[in-house]
Amino acid sequence: MTVEERGLAATDPTRAPDPALQRQRHASDRWREVARAEGIPESALSSGVVSLLDRQAAMIQREEDAHRILNRNVLAGGSLTELCADLIGFLGAP
């Protein structure tokens, strides 16, 4: 069953209406809110699970950002050099 089929996309903490407000919340609060929405008891969310979920969410966001750079360059007809320069800037490489 996909995330969309389970309805998790609507409760995804990274898709909140107000991003500034969302950033102010503690990570554990976000995941506890998602757990409540999905009927998962809060006791199932240990600090280790919350930490793992935060790391996974950060990695997914980074992957989406890299894909956005790739798509922007390809759709704009950019060169490989421009793509590499944008990715180097994104990754923070020298």
N, C-alpha and C. Protein backbone atom coordinates (compact mmCIF):
# COMPACT_ATOMS: atom_id res chain seq x y z
N MET A 1 0.85 -1.17 0.00
CA MET A 1 0.00 0.00 0.00
C MET A 1 0.90 1.24 0.00
N THR A 2 0.63 2.18 -0.92
CA THR A 2 1.45 3.38 -1.03
C THR A 2 1.07 4.40 0.03
N VAL A 3 1.94 5.39 0.19
CA VAL A 3 1.68 6.47 1.15
C VAL A 3 0.38 7.18 0.79
N GLU A 4 0.17 7.46 -0.49
CA GLU A 4 -1.04 8.15 -0.91
C GLU A 4 -2.29 7.33 -0.61
N GLU A 5 -2.21 6.01 -0.82
CA GLU A 5 -3.36 5.15 -0.55
C GLU A 5 -3.71 5.15 0.93
N ARG A 6 -2.71 5.26 1.78
CA ARG A 6 -2.96 5.27 3.22
C ARG A 6 -3.34 6.66 3.71
N GLY A 7 -3.21 7.65 2.84
CA GLY A 7 -3.60 9.00 3.23
C GLY A 7 -2.54 9.74 4.03
N LEU A 8 -1.31 9.26 4.01
CA LEU A 8 -0.27 9.91 4.79
C LEU A 8 0.17 11.23 4.17
N ALA A 9 -0.04 11.41 2.87
CA ALA A 9 0.39 12.65 2.24
C ALA A 9 -0.30 13.85 2.89
N ALA A 10 -1.54 13.68 3.29
CA ALA A 10 -2.27 14.78 3.91
C ALA A 10 -1.75 15.10 5.31
N THR A 11 -1.11 14.15 5.97
CA THR A 11 -0.60 14.38 7.32
C THR A 11 0.90 14.54 7.34
N ASP A 12 1.52 14.64 6.18
CA ASP A 12 2.97 14.79 6.08
C ASP A 12 3.38 16.11 6.71
N PRO A 13 4.24 16.08 7.74
CA PRO A 13 4.62 17.30 8.43
C PRO A 13 5.42 18.26 7.56
N THR A 14 5.98 17.81 6.45
CA THR A 14 6.74 18.70 5.59
C THR A 14 5.83 19.46 4.64
N ARG A 15 4.54 19.18 4.62
CA ARG A 15 3.61 19.87 3.72
C ARG A 15 2.59 20.68 4.51
N ALA A 16 3.02 21.32 5.55
CA ALA A 16 2.12 22.14 6.36
C ALA A 16 1.81 23.44 5.63
N PRO A 17 0.64 24.03 5.88
CA PRO A 17 0.28 25.26 5.19
C PRO A 17 1.22 26.42 5.48
N ASP A 18 1.75 26.51 6.68
CA ASP A 18 2.64 27.61 7.04
C ASP A 18 4.02 27.07 7.38
N PRO A 19 4.97 27.10 6.44
CA PRO A 19 6.30 26.52 6.68
C PRO A 19 7.03 27.18 7.84
N ALA A 20 6.86 28.48 8.02
CA ALA A 20 7.56 29.17 9.11
C ALA A 20 7.09 28.64 10.46
N LEU A 21 5.79 28.46 10.58
CA LEU A 21 5.24 27.93 11.82
C LEU A 21 5.69 26.49 12.04
N GLN A 22 5.74 25.73 10.97
CA GLN A 22 6.14 24.32 11.06
C GLN A 22 7.57 24.19 11.57
N ARG A 23 8.47 25.07 11.11
CA ARG A 23 9.87 24.98 11.52
C ARG A 23 10.04 25.24 13.01
N GLN A 24 9.12 26.00 13.60
CA GLN A 24 9.24 26.34 15.01
C GLN A 24 8.90 25.16 15.92
N ARG A 25 8.13 24.24 15.42
CA ARG A 25 7.74 23.10 16.25
C ARG A 25 8.90 22.15 16.44
N HIS A 26 8.88 21.45 17.52
CA HIS A 26 9.88 20.42 17.74
C HIS A 26 9.57 19.23 16.84
N ALA A 27 10.61 18.55 16.41
CA ALA A 27 10.44 17.41 15.51
C ALA A 27 9.55 16.34 16.13
N SER A 28 9.74 16.07 17.39
CA SER A 28 8.94 15.02 18.02
C SER A 28 7.46 15.36 18.01
N ASP A 29 7.13 16.63 18.14
CA ASP A 29 5.73 17.05 18.09
C ASP A 29 5.11 16.76 16.73
N ARG A 30 5.90 17.01 15.67
CA ARG A 30 5.39 16.75 14.32
C ARG A 30 5.06 15.27 14.15
N TRP A 31 5.99 14.41 14.55
CA TRP A 31 5.78 12.97 14.35
C TRP A 31 4.68 12.45 15.25
N ARG A 32 4.56 12.99 16.45
CA ARG A 32 3.47 12.56 17.33
C ARG A 32 2.11 12.96 16.73
N GLU A 33 2.06 14.11 16.10
CA GLU A 33 0.83 14.55 15.43
C GLU A 33 0.47 13.61 14.29
N VAL A 34 1.46 13.22 13.51
CA VAL A 34 1.23 12.27 12.41
C VAL A 34 0.77 10.94 12.97
N ALA A 35 1.41 10.49 14.05
CA ALA A 35 1.04 9.20 14.66
C ALA A 35 -0.41 9.23 15.13
N ARG A 36 -0.80 10.32 15.79
CA ARG A 36 -2.19 10.45 16.25
C ARG A 36 -3.16 10.39 15.07
N ALA A 37 -2.82 11.10 14.00
CA ALA A 37 -3.69 11.13 12.81
C ALA A 37 -3.84 9.74 12.19
N GLU A 38 -2.82 8.92 12.34
CA GLU A 38 -2.84 7.57 11.76
C GLU A 38 -3.30 6.51 12.74
N GLY A 39 -3.64 6.92 13.97
CA GLY A 39 -4.12 5.97 14.96
C GLY A 39 -3.02 5.15 15.63
N ILE A 40 -1.79 5.64 15.56
CA ILE A 40 -0.66 4.96 16.19
C ILE A 40 -0.48 5.53 17.59
N PRO A 41 -0.39 4.69 18.62
CA PRO A 41 -0.23 5.21 19.98
C PRO A 41 1.08 5.98 20.13
N GLU A 42 1.03 7.09 20.86
CA GLU A 42 2.23 7.91 21.07
C GLU A 42 3.35 7.12 21.73
N SER A 43 2.98 6.13 22.52
CA SER A 43 4.00 5.34 23.22
C SER A 43 4.89 4.58 22.24
N ALA A 44 4.43 4.41 21.01
CA ALA A 44 5.22 3.69 20.00
C ALA A 44 6.33 4.56 19.43
N LEU A 45 6.30 5.86 19.71
CA LEU A 45 7.31 6.78 19.18
C LEU A 45 8.38 7.08 20.23
N SER A 46 9.38 6.25 20.29
CA SER A 46 10.49 6.51 21.20
C SER A 46 11.36 7.61 20.60
N SER A 47 12.28 8.14 21.38
CA SER A 47 13.17 9.19 20.86
C SER A 47 14.02 8.67 19.72
N GLY A 48 14.37 7.39 19.76
CA GLY A 48 15.14 6.79 18.67
C GLY A 48 14.36 6.74 17.38
N VAL A 49 13.08 6.39 17.48
CA VAL A 49 12.23 6.33 16.29
C VAL A 49 12.05 7.74 15.72
N VAL A 50 11.81 8.72 16.59
CA VAL A 50 11.64 10.10 16.15
C VAL A 50 12.91 10.59 15.47
N SER A 51 14.06 10.28 16.03
CA SER A 51 15.34 10.68 15.44
C SER A 51 15.51 10.05 14.06
N LEU A 52 15.18 8.79 13.94
CA LEU A 52 15.27 8.10 12.66
C LEU A 52 14.33 8.72 11.63
N LEU A 53 13.11 9.03 12.03
CA LEU A 53 12.15 9.65 11.13
C LEU A 53 12.63 11.02 10.67
N ASP A 54 13.21 11.80 11.59
CA ASP A 54 13.74 13.11 11.22
C ASP A 54 14.87 12.99 10.21
N ARG A 55 15.77 12.05 10.43
CA ARG A 55 16.88 11.85 9.49
C ARG A 55 16.36 11.42 8.13
N GLN A 56 15.39 10.53 8.11
CA GLN A 56 14.82 10.07 6.85
C GLN A 56 14.12 11.22 6.12
N ALA A 57 13.37 12.03 6.85
CA ALA A 57 12.68 13.17 6.23
C ALA A 57 13.69 14.15 5.65
N ALA A 58 14.80 14.39 6.35
CA ALA A 58 15.83 15.29 5.85
C ALA A 58 16.48 14.74 4.58
N MET A 59 16.72 13.44 4.55
CA MET A 59 17.32 12.83 3.35
C MET A 59 16.36 12.91 2.17
N ILE A 60 15.10 12.68 2.41
CA ILE A 60 14.10 12.76 1.33
C ILE A 60 14.02 14.19 0.81
N GLN A 61 14.04 15.17 1.72
CA GLN A 61 13.99 16.56 1.29
C GLN A 61 15.21 16.92 0.45
N ARG A 62 16.37 16.45 0.86
CA ARG A 62 17.60 16.72 0.11
C ARG A 62 17.53 16.09 -1.29
N GLU A 63 16.99 14.88 -1.37
CA GLU A 63 16.83 14.21 -2.66
C GLU A 63 15.87 15.00 -3.55
N GLU A 64 14.77 15.48 -2.98
CA GLU A 64 13.81 16.27 -3.76
C GLU A 64 14.45 17.56 -4.26
N ASP A 65 15.28 18.19 -3.44
CA ASP A 65 15.97 19.42 -3.85
C ASP A 65 16.92 19.14 -5.01
N ALA A 66 17.64 18.04 -4.95
CA ALA A 66 18.56 17.68 -6.04
C ALA A 66 17.77 17.40 -7.33
N HIS A 67 16.63 16.74 -7.22
CA HIS A 67 15.79 16.47 -8.39
C HIS A 67 15.25 17.77 -8.97
N ARG A 68 14.91 18.71 -8.10
CA ARG A 68 14.40 20.00 -8.56
C ARG A 68 15.47 20.74 -9.36
N ILE A 69 16.72 20.69 -8.90
CA ILE A 69 17.83 21.31 -9.63
C ILE A 69 17.99 20.65 -10.99
N LEU A 70 17.97 19.34 -11.02
CA LEU A 70 18.10 18.61 -12.29
C LEU A 70 16.98 18.99 -13.25
N ASN A 71 15.75 18.95 -12.78
CA ASN A 71 14.60 19.28 -13.63
C ASN A 71 14.67 20.71 -14.14
N ARG A 72 15.00 21.63 -13.25
CA ARG A 72 15.08 23.04 -13.65
C ARG A 72 16.10 23.22 -14.77
N ASN A 73 17.27 22.61 -14.63
CA ASN A 73 18.31 22.74 -15.65
C ASN A 73 17.91 22.07 -16.96
N VAL A 74 17.37 20.88 -16.88
CA VAL A 74 16.99 20.16 -18.10
C VAL A 74 15.87 20.89 -18.83
N LEU A 75 14.85 21.32 -18.11
CA LEU A 75 13.71 21.99 -18.75
C LEU A 75 14.09 23.36 -19.31
N ALA A 76 15.10 23.99 -18.73
CA ALA A 76 15.56 25.29 -19.23
C ALA A 76 16.56 25.14 -20.36
N GLY A 77 16.92 23.90 -20.69
CA GLY A 77 17.89 23.67 -21.76
C GLY A 77 19.31 23.98 -21.34
N GLY A 78 19.57 23.86 -20.05
CA GLY A 78 20.91 24.15 -19.54
C GLY A 78 21.93 23.11 -19.96
N SER A 79 23.18 23.50 -19.86
CA SER A 79 24.27 22.60 -20.24
C SER A 79 24.66 21.72 -19.06
N LEU A 80 25.45 20.72 -19.36
CA LEU A 80 25.96 19.83 -18.31
C LEU A 80 26.83 20.63 -17.34
N THR A 81 27.58 21.59 -17.86
CA THR A 81 28.42 22.43 -17.01
C THR A 81 27.57 23.22 -16.01
N GLU A 82 26.46 23.78 -16.49
CA GLU A 82 25.56 24.53 -15.60
C GLU A 82 24.94 23.61 -14.55
N LEU A 83 24.55 22.42 -14.97
CA LEU A 83 23.98 21.46 -14.03
C LEU A 83 24.99 21.11 -12.95
N CYS A 84 26.22 20.81 -13.37
CA CYS A 84 27.26 20.46 -12.40
C CYS A 84 27.54 21.61 -11.45
N ALA A 85 27.57 22.84 -11.97
CA ALA A 85 27.81 24.01 -11.12
C ALA A 85 26.70 24.16 -10.09
N ASP A 86 25.45 23.98 -10.51
CA ASP A 86 24.33 24.08 -9.57
C ASP A 86 24.39 22.98 -8.51
N LEU A 87 24.71 21.76 -8.93
CA LEU A 87 24.80 20.66 -7.97
C LEU A 87 25.96 20.84 -7.00
N ILE A 88 27.08 21.36 -7.50
CA ILE A 88 28.22 21.63 -6.61
C ILE A 88 27.82 22.67 -5.57
N GLY A 89 27.12 23.71 -6.01
CA GLY A 89 26.64 24.72 -5.07
C GLY A 89 25.69 24.14 -4.05
N PHE A 90 24.81 23.26 -4.48
CA PHE A 90 23.84 22.62 -3.60
C PHE A 90 24.52 21.70 -2.59
N LEU A 91 25.47 20.92 -3.07
CA LEU A 91 26.15 19.96 -2.20
C LEU A 91 27.21 20.60 -1.32
N GLY A 92 27.60 21.82 -1.66
CA GLY A 92 28.60 22.51 -0.86
C GLY A 92 30.01 22.03 -1.14
N ALA A 93 30.22 21.42 -2.29
CA ALA A 93 31.56 20.94 -2.66
C ALA A 93 32.40 22.11 -3.16
N PRO A 94 33.72 22.03 -2.99
CA PRO A 94 34.60 23.12 -3.45
C PRO A 94 34.70 23.19 -4.96
